[in-house]
Amino acid sequence: MANSEDDGSSLSRTQRRLLRRIYNGRSIPIVADGKPFLTYKDASRYLQALEPPARDAAYAEMKKQAD
C-alpha cells in the first residue's frame, strides 16, 4: 500500500513534527513567501507543492517566525 509520506516530495518526519508544534493552536498566522498560514494542513500542502530548494527556504522562514 502506497503512503503519501513515501513519495519524494513529502516533508521529512522532523519537519512535519515541528510544523505540527508550530501550528498547534495558533491564532496569529505565520507568513512565508508573502502568504499567511494559520494551520498545519495549509502550510504542509504549500510546502509539498514547492521544489526542494524553495521548500527548504519557506520551511526555514516559518521556523524562524515561530521562535
N, C-alpha and C. Protein backbone atom coordinates (compact mmCIF):
# COMPACT_ATOMS: atom_id res chain seq x y z
N MET A 1 0.84 -1.18 0.00
CA MET A 1 0.00 0.00 0.00
C MET A 1 0.89 1.24 0.00
N ALA A 2 0.63 2.15 -0.90
CA ALA A 2 1.43 3.36 -1.02
C ALA A 2 1.03 4.36 0.06
N ASN A 3 2.03 5.01 0.58
CA ASN A 3 1.81 6.02 1.61
C ASN A 3 2.28 7.35 1.07
N SER A 4 1.51 8.41 1.26
CA SER A 4 1.88 9.72 0.72
C SER A 4 3.19 10.22 1.31
N GLU A 5 3.59 9.70 2.47
CA GLU A 5 4.84 10.13 3.08
C GLU A 5 6.05 9.50 2.39
N ASP A 6 5.83 8.49 1.56
CA ASP A 6 6.93 7.79 0.92
C ASP A 6 7.39 8.46 -0.38
N ASP A 7 6.57 9.35 -0.95
CA ASP A 7 6.99 9.96 -2.21
C ASP A 7 8.07 11.00 -1.96
N GLY A 8 8.81 11.31 -3.01
CA GLY A 8 9.96 12.20 -2.88
C GLY A 8 9.62 13.64 -2.53
N SER A 9 8.37 14.05 -2.72
CA SER A 9 8.02 15.44 -2.47
C SER A 9 7.52 15.70 -1.05
N SER A 10 7.46 14.66 -0.23
CA SER A 10 6.91 14.88 1.11
C SER A 10 7.97 15.45 2.05
N LEU A 11 7.49 16.01 3.13
CA LEU A 11 8.35 16.59 4.14
C LEU A 11 8.96 15.49 4.99
N SER A 12 10.10 15.76 5.59
CA SER A 12 10.72 14.78 6.47
C SER A 12 9.91 14.67 7.76
N ARG A 13 10.11 13.63 8.50
CA ARG A 13 9.39 13.42 9.75
C ARG A 13 9.67 14.57 10.72
N THR A 14 10.92 14.98 10.79
CA THR A 14 11.31 16.09 11.66
C THR A 14 10.58 17.37 11.27
N GLN A 15 10.51 17.65 9.98
CA GLN A 15 9.82 18.85 9.51
C GLN A 15 8.33 18.80 9.85
N ARG A 16 7.71 17.65 9.61
CA ARG A 16 6.28 17.51 9.92
C ARG A 16 6.02 17.71 11.41
N ARG A 17 6.85 17.13 12.25
CA ARG A 17 6.66 17.26 13.70
C ARG A 17 6.80 18.71 14.15
N LEU A 18 7.81 19.42 13.64
CA LEU A 18 7.99 20.81 14.02
C LEU A 18 6.82 21.66 13.53
N LEU A 19 6.38 21.43 12.30
CA LEU A 19 5.25 22.20 11.78
C LEU A 19 3.99 21.96 12.62
N ARG A 20 3.77 20.73 13.04
CA ARG A 20 2.60 20.43 13.89
C ARG A 20 2.69 21.22 15.20
N ARG A 21 3.88 21.28 15.78
CA ARG A 21 4.06 22.05 17.02
C ARG A 21 3.85 23.55 16.79
N ILE A 22 4.41 24.05 15.70
CA ILE A 22 4.30 25.48 15.38
C ILE A 22 2.83 25.89 15.20
N TYR A 23 2.09 25.08 14.47
CA TYR A 23 0.72 25.46 14.10
C TYR A 23 -0.34 24.98 15.07
N ASN A 24 0.01 24.23 16.10
CA ASN A 24 -0.96 23.75 17.07
C ASN A 24 -1.54 24.92 17.87
N GLY A 25 -2.82 25.17 17.70
CA GLY A 25 -3.50 26.22 18.45
C GLY A 25 -3.11 27.64 18.08
N ARG A 26 -2.52 27.82 16.93
CA ARG A 26 -2.06 29.15 16.51
C ARG A 26 -3.24 30.05 16.18
N SER A 27 -3.18 31.29 16.64
CA SER A 27 -4.23 32.26 16.32
C SER A 27 -3.70 33.42 15.47
N ILE A 28 -2.39 33.51 15.35
CA ILE A 28 -1.75 34.52 14.50
C ILE A 28 -1.01 33.78 13.39
N PRO A 29 -1.34 34.06 12.14
CA PRO A 29 -0.70 33.32 11.05
C PRO A 29 0.79 33.61 10.92
N ILE A 30 1.48 32.64 10.37
CA ILE A 30 2.89 32.79 10.02
C ILE A 30 2.92 33.07 8.53
N VAL A 31 3.69 34.06 8.13
CA VAL A 31 3.77 34.45 6.72
C VAL A 31 5.06 33.92 6.13
N ALA A 32 4.91 33.19 5.03
CA ALA A 32 6.07 32.67 4.29
C ALA A 32 5.80 32.91 2.81
N ASP A 33 6.78 33.42 2.12
CA ASP A 33 6.64 33.75 0.70
C ASP A 33 5.46 34.69 0.45
N GLY A 34 5.18 35.55 1.42
CA GLY A 34 4.10 36.52 1.28
C GLY A 34 2.71 35.94 1.48
N LYS A 35 2.62 34.69 1.92
CA LYS A 35 1.32 34.04 2.13
C LYS A 35 1.15 33.68 3.60
N PRO A 36 -0.02 33.99 4.18
CA PRO A 36 -0.24 33.65 5.58
C PRO A 36 -0.71 32.20 5.74
N PHE A 37 -0.19 31.53 6.76
CA PHE A 37 -0.57 30.15 7.06
C PHE A 37 -0.96 30.08 8.53
N LEU A 38 -2.17 29.59 8.78
CA LEU A 38 -2.67 29.50 10.14
C LEU A 38 -2.75 28.06 10.63
N THR A 39 -2.78 27.11 9.69
CA THR A 39 -2.91 25.71 10.09
C THR A 39 -1.77 24.87 9.52
N TYR A 40 -1.51 23.77 10.20
CA TYR A 40 -0.50 22.81 9.74
C TYR A 40 -0.85 22.31 8.35
N LYS A 41 -2.11 22.00 8.14
CA LYS A 41 -2.54 21.42 6.87
C LYS A 41 -2.25 22.37 5.70
N ASP A 42 -2.57 23.64 5.87
CA ASP A 42 -2.31 24.63 4.81
C ASP A 42 -0.81 24.77 4.55
N ALA A 43 -0.04 24.87 5.62
CA ALA A 43 1.41 25.03 5.48
C ALA A 43 2.02 23.79 4.84
N SER A 44 1.59 22.62 5.25
CA SER A 44 2.12 21.37 4.71
C SER A 44 1.82 21.24 3.22
N ARG A 45 0.59 21.53 2.84
CA ARG A 45 0.21 21.46 1.41
C ARG A 45 1.07 22.41 0.58
N TYR A 46 1.24 23.62 1.09
CA TYR A 46 2.03 24.62 0.36
C TYR A 46 3.47 24.14 0.20
N LEU A 47 4.07 23.69 1.28
CA LEU A 47 5.47 23.25 1.23
C LEU A 47 5.65 22.06 0.30
N GLN A 48 4.72 21.13 0.32
CA GLN A 48 4.85 19.95 -0.54
C GLN A 48 4.70 20.28 -2.02
N ALA A 49 4.05 21.39 -2.33
CA ALA A 49 3.88 21.80 -3.72
C ALA A 49 5.13 22.46 -4.28
N LEU A 50 6.07 22.83 -3.42
CA LEU A 50 7.28 23.52 -3.85
C LEU A 50 8.39 22.54 -4.23
N GLU A 51 9.32 23.02 -5.04
CA GLU A 51 10.54 22.27 -5.34
C GLU A 51 11.42 22.26 -4.09
N PRO A 52 12.27 21.26 -3.91
CA PRO A 52 13.07 21.15 -2.68
C PRO A 52 13.81 22.40 -2.23
N PRO A 53 14.52 23.13 -3.08
CA PRO A 53 15.21 24.34 -2.57
C PRO A 53 14.24 25.40 -2.05
N ALA A 54 13.15 25.62 -2.78
CA ALA A 54 12.15 26.60 -2.35
C ALA A 54 11.44 26.11 -1.09
N ARG A 55 11.21 24.81 -1.00
CA ARG A 55 10.56 24.23 0.18
C ARG A 55 11.42 24.46 1.42
N ASP A 56 12.72 24.22 1.29
CA ASP A 56 13.63 24.42 2.42
C ASP A 56 13.65 25.87 2.87
N ALA A 57 13.63 26.79 1.92
CA ALA A 57 13.65 28.21 2.25
C ALA A 57 12.36 28.63 2.95
N ALA A 58 11.22 28.19 2.44
CA ALA A 58 9.93 28.54 3.06
C ALA A 58 9.82 27.90 4.44
N TYR A 59 10.28 26.66 4.59
CA TYR A 59 10.26 25.99 5.89
C TYR A 59 11.12 26.76 6.90
N ALA A 60 12.30 27.18 6.48
CA ALA A 60 13.19 27.93 7.36
C ALA A 60 12.55 29.25 7.78
N GLU A 61 11.83 29.89 6.85
CA GLU A 61 11.15 31.15 7.16
C GLU A 61 10.05 30.92 8.20
N MET A 62 9.29 29.83 8.05
CA MET A 62 8.24 29.50 9.02
C MET A 62 8.86 29.21 10.40
N LYS A 63 9.92 28.44 10.37
CA LYS A 63 10.58 28.05 11.62
C LYS A 63 11.12 29.28 12.35
N LYS A 64 11.70 30.21 11.60
CA LYS A 64 12.26 31.42 12.19
C LYS A 64 11.18 32.26 12.85
N GLN A 65 10.02 32.39 12.21
CA GLN A 65 8.94 33.19 12.76
C GLN A 65 8.32 32.57 14.00
N ALA A 66 8.43 31.27 14.13
CA ALA A 66 7.83 30.57 15.28
C ALA A 66 8.65 30.76 16.54
N ASP A 67 9.93 31.10 16.41
CA ASP A 67 10.80 31.27 17.59
C ASP A 67 10.45 32.47 18.41
